[in-house]
Protein backbone atom coordinates (compact mmCIF):
# COMPACT_ATOMS: atom_id res chain seq x y z
CA MET A 1 -41.90 26.97 -71.80
CA ASP A 2 -38.41 28.37 -72.12
CA TYR A 3 -37.77 31.35 -74.42
CA ARG A 4 -34.50 32.08 -76.18
CA GLU A 5 -33.15 34.95 -78.23
CA LEU A 6 -33.27 34.51 -81.98
CA GLY A 7 -29.65 35.24 -82.92
CA ARG A 8 -28.88 38.86 -82.09
CA SER A 9 -32.37 40.08 -82.99
CA GLY A 10 -33.60 40.79 -79.48
CA VAL A 11 -36.68 38.68 -80.27
CA LYS A 12 -37.46 35.78 -77.92
CA VAL A 13 -38.84 32.56 -79.40
CA SER A 14 -40.12 29.48 -77.62
CA ALA A 15 -37.75 26.53 -77.18
CA LEU A 16 -40.22 24.49 -79.22
CA CYS A 17 -41.30 25.68 -82.66
CA LEU A 18 -44.40 24.34 -84.38
CA GLY A 19 -43.52 22.76 -87.71
CA THR A 20 -46.25 22.68 -90.33
CA MET A 21 -45.15 20.80 -93.44
CA THR A 22 -47.90 18.16 -93.30
CA TRP A 23 -50.72 20.72 -93.43
CA GLY A 24 -52.40 20.63 -96.81
CA GLU A 25 -51.39 17.02 -97.47
CA GLN A 26 -51.68 14.74 -94.43
CA ASN A 27 -53.53 17.36 -92.41
CA SER A 28 -56.54 19.51 -93.25
CA GLU A 29 -57.05 23.22 -92.61
CA ARG A 30 -59.11 22.33 -89.54
CA ASP A 31 -56.28 20.13 -88.23
CA GLY A 32 -53.77 22.94 -88.71
CA HIS A 33 -55.97 25.42 -86.87
CA GLU A 34 -56.45 22.99 -83.99
CA GLN A 35 -52.71 22.40 -83.72
CA MET A 36 -51.92 26.12 -83.70
CA ASP A 37 -54.62 26.80 -81.09
CA TYR A 38 -53.17 24.14 -78.80
CA ALA A 39 -49.53 25.10 -79.35
CA LEU A 40 -50.28 28.75 -78.58
CA SER A 41 -52.10 27.74 -75.39
CA LYS A 42 -48.97 25.85 -74.29
CA GLY A 43 -46.64 28.80 -74.76
CA ILE A 44 -45.32 28.14 -78.27
CA ASN A 45 -44.97 31.48 -80.04
CA PHE A 46 -42.89 30.31 -83.02
CA ILE A 47 -44.32 28.77 -86.23
CA ASP A 48 -42.21 27.61 -89.18
CA THR A 49 -43.37 27.01 -92.74
CA SER A 50 -42.14 27.36 -96.33
CA GLU A 51 -43.39 28.49 -99.72
CA MET A 52 -42.79 24.90 -100.89
CA TYR A 53 -45.01 23.14 -98.31
CA ALA A 54 -46.97 20.87 -98.07
CA VAL A 55 -44.66 17.87 -98.45
CA PRO A 56 -43.87 15.96 -100.51
CA PRO A 57 -43.47 18.98 -102.81
CA LYS A 58 -45.74 19.05 -105.85
CA PRO A 59 -47.66 21.68 -107.81
CA ALA A 60 -51.09 20.73 -106.44
CA THR A 61 -50.20 21.44 -102.80
CA GLN A 62 -47.53 24.15 -103.12
CA GLY A 63 -48.36 27.04 -100.80
CA ALA A 64 -51.19 25.15 -99.07
CA THR A 65 -49.52 25.26 -95.67
CA GLU A 66 -49.00 29.02 -95.76
CA LYS A 67 -52.66 29.44 -96.72
CA ILE A 68 -53.76 27.41 -93.69
CA ILE A 69 -51.67 29.61 -91.40
CA GLY A 70 -53.07 32.70 -93.11
CA SER A 71 -56.67 31.58 -92.63
CA TRP A 72 -55.91 30.94 -88.93
CA PHE A 73 -54.53 34.46 -88.54
CA LYS A 74 -57.69 35.84 -90.14
CA ALA A 75 -60.07 33.68 -88.09
CA ARG A 76 -58.35 34.06 -84.72
CA GLY A 77 -56.66 37.48 -84.93
CA THR A 78 -53.45 35.92 -83.63
CA ARG A 79 -50.82 37.41 -85.92
CA ASP A 80 -49.29 39.57 -83.18
CA LYS A 81 -48.91 36.56 -80.89
CA VAL A 82 -46.66 34.62 -83.26
CA ILE A 83 -43.08 34.84 -84.50
CA LEU A 84 -43.63 33.68 -88.07
CA ALA A 85 -40.91 32.00 -90.11
CA THR A 86 -41.07 30.90 -93.73
CA LYS A 87 -38.57 30.04 -96.47
CA VAL A 88 -37.69 30.68 -100.09
CA ALA A 89 -36.57 27.70 -102.18
CA GLY A 90 -32.97 27.36 -103.28
CA ARG A 91 -31.79 26.33 -106.73
CA SER A 92 -33.83 23.39 -108.00
CA PRO A 93 -35.58 22.00 -111.11
CA MET A 94 -39.00 22.81 -109.60
CA THR A 95 -40.81 24.97 -112.15
CA TRP A 96 -44.12 25.47 -110.35
CA LEU A 97 -42.96 27.94 -107.70
CA ARG A 98 -42.64 30.94 -110.02
CA GLU A 99 -45.26 32.51 -112.26
CA ASP A 100 -43.08 32.32 -115.37
CA GLY A 101 -42.33 28.62 -114.86
CA ALA A 102 -38.61 29.18 -114.30
CA PRO A 103 -36.67 26.71 -112.14
CA SER A 104 -36.24 28.08 -108.63
CA GLU A 105 -33.12 30.05 -107.73
CA GLN A 106 -32.32 32.83 -105.28
CA THR A 107 -32.07 35.75 -107.69
CA PRO A 108 -33.28 39.16 -106.49
CA LYS A 109 -36.27 38.88 -108.86
CA GLN A 110 -37.30 35.45 -107.56
CA ILE A 111 -36.80 36.41 -103.92
CA GLY A 112 -39.01 39.46 -104.39
CA GLU A 113 -41.70 37.39 -106.09
CA ALA A 114 -41.51 34.68 -103.42
CA VAL A 115 -41.83 37.15 -100.53
CA ASP A 116 -44.91 38.79 -102.04
CA ALA A 117 -46.56 35.44 -102.75
CA SER A 118 -45.91 34.20 -99.20
CA LEU A 119 -47.27 37.41 -97.66
CA LYS A 120 -50.47 37.04 -99.65
CA ARG A 121 -50.96 33.40 -98.67
CA LEU A 122 -50.13 34.12 -95.03
CA ASN A 123 -52.57 37.04 -94.73
CA THR A 124 -49.90 39.27 -93.23
CA ASP A 125 -47.88 42.34 -94.12
CA HIS A 126 -44.58 41.04 -92.76
CA ILE A 127 -42.58 37.87 -92.12
CA ASP A 128 -40.55 37.76 -88.92
CA LEU A 129 -37.87 35.32 -90.10
CA TYR A 130 -37.24 34.71 -93.79
CA GLN A 131 -34.95 31.75 -94.45
CA LEU A 132 -33.05 30.47 -97.48
CA HIS A 133 -34.45 26.92 -97.62
CA TRP A 134 -31.24 25.47 -99.05
CA PRO A 135 -28.16 26.96 -100.75
CA ASP A 136 -28.40 28.43 -104.22
CA ARG A 137 -24.99 26.97 -105.01
CA PRO A 138 -24.61 23.25 -105.82
CA VAL A 139 -24.07 21.48 -102.48
CA ALA A 140 -24.83 17.86 -101.59
CA MET A 141 -27.43 17.85 -98.81
CA PHE A 142 -30.26 15.95 -97.14
CA GLY A 143 -27.90 13.10 -96.29
CA ALA A 144 -26.87 12.54 -99.91
CA THR A 145 -23.16 11.93 -99.34
CA GLY A 146 -22.70 11.69 -95.59
CA LEU A 147 -19.76 13.65 -94.18
CA ALA A 148 -17.50 13.61 -97.24
CA TYR A 149 -17.19 16.93 -99.08
CA LYS A 150 -17.36 16.67 -102.85
CA HIS A 151 -16.97 19.69 -105.07
CA LEU A 152 -19.90 20.16 -107.41
CA GLU A 153 -19.81 22.46 -110.41
CA GLY A 154 -22.77 24.61 -111.30
CA SER A 155 -24.27 28.08 -111.52
CA THR A 156 -24.95 30.15 -108.42
CA VAL A 157 -26.21 33.57 -107.44
CA PRO A 158 -23.45 35.42 -105.54
CA ILE A 159 -24.01 35.59 -101.79
CA GLU A 160 -23.69 39.38 -101.86
CA ASP A 161 -26.55 39.57 -104.40
CA ILE A 162 -28.75 37.30 -102.27
CA LEU A 163 -28.13 39.45 -99.19
CA GLY A 164 -28.79 42.57 -101.24
CA ALA A 165 -32.16 41.18 -102.31
CA LEU A 166 -33.01 40.38 -98.70
CA GLU A 167 -31.98 43.90 -97.66
CA THR A 168 -34.45 45.29 -100.18
CA GLN A 169 -37.23 43.29 -98.52
CA VAL A 170 -36.14 44.36 -95.03
CA LYS A 171 -36.12 48.03 -96.03
CA ALA A 172 -39.58 47.60 -97.54
CA GLY A 173 -40.81 46.27 -94.18
CA LYS A 174 -41.81 42.93 -95.65
CA ILE A 175 -39.36 40.85 -93.59
CA ARG A 176 -37.74 41.60 -90.23
CA PHE A 177 -34.89 39.11 -89.94
CA VAL A 178 -33.16 36.52 -92.13
CA GLY A 179 -31.84 33.02 -91.61
CA LEU A 180 -30.26 30.03 -93.31
CA SER A 181 -31.37 26.43 -93.73
CA ASN A 182 -29.55 23.25 -94.80
CA GLU A 183 -26.38 25.31 -94.87
CA THR A 184 -22.72 24.35 -94.41
CA ALA A 185 -20.13 25.84 -92.05
CA TRP A 186 -18.39 27.56 -94.98
CA GLY A 187 -21.64 28.96 -96.30
CA THR A 188 -22.68 30.27 -92.89
CA MET A 189 -19.40 32.10 -92.37
CA GLU A 190 -19.49 33.52 -95.90
CA PHE A 191 -22.94 34.98 -95.33
CA LEU A 192 -21.73 36.50 -92.06
CA ARG A 193 -18.59 37.85 -93.72
CA HIS A 194 -20.52 39.53 -96.51
CA SER A 195 -23.11 40.99 -94.15
CA THR A 196 -20.37 42.53 -92.00
CA ALA A 197 -18.31 43.84 -94.91
CA LYS A 198 -21.27 45.38 -96.75
CA SER A 199 -23.60 46.23 -93.82
CA LEU A 200 -26.18 43.79 -95.18
CA PRO A 201 -28.75 41.79 -93.14
CA ARG A 202 -27.14 39.37 -90.70
CA MET A 203 -28.19 35.74 -90.53
CA GLN A 204 -29.86 35.14 -87.17
CA SER A 205 -30.39 31.37 -87.36
CA ILE A 206 -29.69 28.19 -89.25
CA GLN A 207 -32.31 25.48 -89.72
CA ASN A 208 -30.58 22.13 -90.20
CA SER A 209 -31.42 18.53 -89.43
CA TYR A 210 -30.30 17.46 -85.95
CA ASN A 211 -31.23 14.45 -83.85
CA LEU A 212 -29.79 11.50 -81.91
CA ILE A 213 -28.74 9.66 -85.07
CA ASN A 214 -27.56 12.76 -86.95
CA ARG A 215 -25.34 14.97 -84.79
CA VAL A 216 -23.09 16.22 -87.60
CA PHE A 217 -24.08 19.81 -86.73
CA GLU A 218 -21.79 19.45 -83.71
CA ILE A 219 -18.70 18.92 -85.86
CA GLY A 220 -18.30 22.47 -87.18
CA LEU A 221 -21.52 24.39 -87.07
CA ALA A 222 -22.16 24.20 -83.32
CA GLU A 223 -19.17 26.42 -82.55
CA ILE A 224 -20.32 28.92 -85.16
CA ALA A 225 -23.84 28.87 -83.69
CA HIS A 226 -22.40 29.59 -80.25
CA ARG A 227 -19.72 32.18 -81.04
CA GLU A 228 -21.63 34.01 -83.79
CA GLN A 229 -25.09 33.70 -82.19
CA VAL A 230 -26.56 32.01 -85.24
CA GLY A 231 -28.59 29.50 -83.28
CA LEU A 232 -29.83 26.18 -84.59
CA LEU A 233 -33.48 25.72 -85.43
CA ALA A 234 -33.36 21.94 -85.37
CA TYR A 235 -35.60 20.08 -87.77
CA SER A 236 -36.34 16.34 -87.88
CA PRO A 237 -35.60 15.90 -84.14
CA LEU A 238 -37.43 12.56 -84.27
CA GLY A 239 -35.63 11.33 -87.37
CA GLN A 240 -38.92 11.56 -89.30
CA GLY A 241 -40.55 9.40 -86.65
CA TYR A 242 -37.96 6.64 -86.45
CA LEU A 243 -36.79 7.68 -82.98
CA THR A 244 -40.28 7.15 -81.56
CA GLY A 245 -39.88 3.43 -82.30
CA LYS A 246 -42.97 3.30 -84.49
CA TYR A 247 -41.09 1.76 -87.43
CA GLN A 248 -39.23 -0.84 -85.35
CA ASN A 249 -39.02 -4.35 -86.75
CA GLY A 250 -40.34 -3.25 -90.13
CA ALA A 251 -43.64 -1.86 -88.86
CA LEU A 252 -45.56 0.39 -91.26
CA PRO A 253 -48.17 2.38 -89.30
CA GLU A 254 -51.26 3.41 -91.25
CA ASN A 255 -51.09 6.98 -92.62
CA SER A 256 -47.43 7.41 -91.64
CA ARG A 257 -45.08 9.22 -94.03
CA LYS A 258 -43.22 6.01 -94.76
CA THR A 259 -46.45 4.19 -95.62
CA LEU A 260 -47.86 7.03 -97.72
CA PHE A 261 -44.80 8.39 -99.50
CA ASN A 262 -41.85 5.99 -98.98
CA ARG A 263 -39.47 8.97 -98.62
CA LEU A 264 -37.51 8.08 -95.47
CA GLN A 265 -34.45 6.36 -96.94
CA ARG A 266 -32.13 8.73 -95.07
CA TYR A 267 -33.03 6.82 -91.90
CA GLU A 268 -33.06 3.32 -93.39
CA ARG A 269 -29.38 2.51 -93.78
CA PRO A 270 -28.33 -0.84 -92.28
CA GLU A 271 -26.55 0.83 -89.37
CA THR A 272 -29.47 3.03 -88.28
CA GLY A 273 -31.61 0.23 -86.87
CA PRO A 274 -29.18 -0.87 -84.11
CA ALA A 275 -28.53 2.77 -83.17
CA ILE A 276 -32.24 3.50 -82.84
CA ASP A 277 -32.67 0.35 -80.74
CA ARG A 278 -30.00 1.66 -78.34
CA TYR A 279 -31.83 4.95 -77.78
CA ILE A 280 -35.18 3.26 -77.33
CA ALA A 281 -33.59 0.96 -74.75
CA ILE A 282 -32.22 3.99 -72.90
CA ALA A 283 -35.69 5.56 -72.87
CA ARG A 284 -37.18 2.43 -71.39
CA LYS A 285 -34.44 2.15 -68.79
CA PHE A 286 -35.14 5.70 -67.60
CA ASP A 287 -38.93 5.26 -67.97
CA ILE A 288 -39.22 7.99 -70.61
CA ASP A 289 -41.27 7.98 -73.79
CA PRO A 290 -38.73 7.37 -76.63
CA GLY A 291 -40.00 10.30 -78.66
CA GLN A 292 -39.84 12.64 -75.67
CA LEU A 293 -36.30 11.49 -74.95
CA ALA A 294 -35.25 12.30 -78.52
CA LEU A 295 -36.95 15.70 -78.40
CA GLN A 296 -35.58 16.74 -75.03
CA PHE A 297 -32.07 15.75 -76.11
CA VAL A 298 -32.32 18.32 -78.90
CA THR A 299 -34.01 21.00 -76.81
CA THR A 300 -31.33 20.84 -74.11
CA ARG A 301 -28.36 21.39 -76.43
CA PRO A 302 -26.76 24.81 -75.71
CA PHE A 303 -26.50 25.78 -79.40
CA VAL A 304 -30.19 25.11 -80.13
CA THR A 305 -32.44 28.15 -80.26
CA SER A 306 -35.62 26.21 -81.02
CA ASN A 307 -36.58 22.61 -81.66
CA ILE A 308 -39.03 22.24 -84.55
CA ILE A 309 -41.70 19.67 -83.74
CA GLY A 310 -44.34 18.37 -86.11
CA ALA A 311 -47.33 16.08 -85.74
CA THR A 312 -50.18 14.67 -87.78
CA THR A 313 -52.44 13.97 -84.77
CA MET A 314 -53.28 15.95 -81.66
CA GLU A 315 -52.11 13.03 -79.52
CA GLN A 316 -48.66 13.24 -81.13
CA LEU A 317 -48.57 17.01 -80.69
CA LYS A 318 -49.48 16.82 -77.00
CA THR A 319 -46.78 14.20 -76.42
CA ASP A 320 -44.21 16.29 -78.28
CA ILE A 321 -44.93 19.48 -76.35
CA ALA A 322 -44.88 17.60 -73.04
CA SER A 323 -41.27 16.60 -73.78
CA VAL A 324 -40.15 19.86 -72.14
CA ASN A 325 -41.10 18.27 -68.80
CA VAL A 326 -38.54 15.46 -69.14
CA ARG A 327 -35.85 15.94 -66.50
CA TRP A 328 -32.42 15.74 -68.14
CA SER A 329 -29.93 14.19 -65.71
CA ASP A 330 -26.19 13.56 -65.80
CA ASP A 331 -26.84 9.81 -65.91
CA LEU A 332 -29.10 10.23 -68.90
CA GLU A 333 -26.49 12.37 -70.65
CA LYS A 334 -23.81 9.73 -70.03
CA ALA A 335 -26.04 6.98 -71.43
CA ILE A 336 -26.77 9.01 -74.56
CA ASP A 337 -23.06 9.79 -75.04
CA ALA A 338 -22.14 6.11 -74.71
CA ALA A 339 -24.68 5.13 -77.35
CA HIS A 340 -23.47 7.89 -79.66
CA HIS A 341 -19.81 6.89 -79.35
CA ALA A 342 -20.72 3.25 -80.03
CA GLN A 343 -22.31 4.22 -83.37
CA PRO A 344 -21.96 7.91 -84.23
CA ASN A 345 -24.15 9.59 -86.86
CA PRO A 346 -25.57 6.60 -88.71
CA ALA A 347 -28.02 8.85 -90.59
CA PRO A 348 -26.14 12.07 -91.47
């Protein structure tokens, strides 16, 4: 397992990060513990979660994933072996995250409440990386409008106030480092500008979607990640499973997210199918598992700090972790580039 510095923190995290968002919905506490045991044995020292998980988000399962991680820490005594990352929700109509029933937003009061609630669920006294799950300001995201910027009006908590609230938590010893998620190039640079001007906590990472059929991170954010050392924590490296080929030709595997929740429309545009077929054909040509090809593509990008993998079965997890053994050659890179140029970013 390769280890890379988290931003400018001096902390080294594994090139693969264990994602957890299915725990408490598709996966039980026992499943989560088994996955963490195995990941730790294979050199993964980085676990990512969120106050909002499990997914899909709903009141009945909110916080369940953090509780599963917390019970594992208590049962195994493994807290000091893990770099733990979690997230606070951005502005949304969700009213079940806060005790007073207020819609979520990144005010100092809500950030303080969210940190304390996460610490309690996680059975720990500190969080290593605390991330803003999505911007507090109104920004189209999650593939809503593709690459076109559209100005959206709406309320927002000033960036300086958000950083000030995070500084309060850092000084209290409750969080060590901070990061972004689902953020834009402008937003990333604004957070960095404010942190420098006011000596506030510096963003160490950005967790955005990145995979073979969504490489929009490369357009503006990759240079920022490189020059500012705000490395990418890439989520959805398998395009929510589509890049494994399991949904090819309209297949609906039992207990898959598509079958259970029908929430994968981001990867179901007419142009995504032919693009996915190209990458699966490349995998077969080079005798590589399609999912491992997709994962190793992400892991080998120079601006990626860690690739967030997730699985609902141990077989999937073992396959995902073994992707680090895929040899990445010049010929493979050329084949991937050719497929990308033929149909770039069909699922941004």
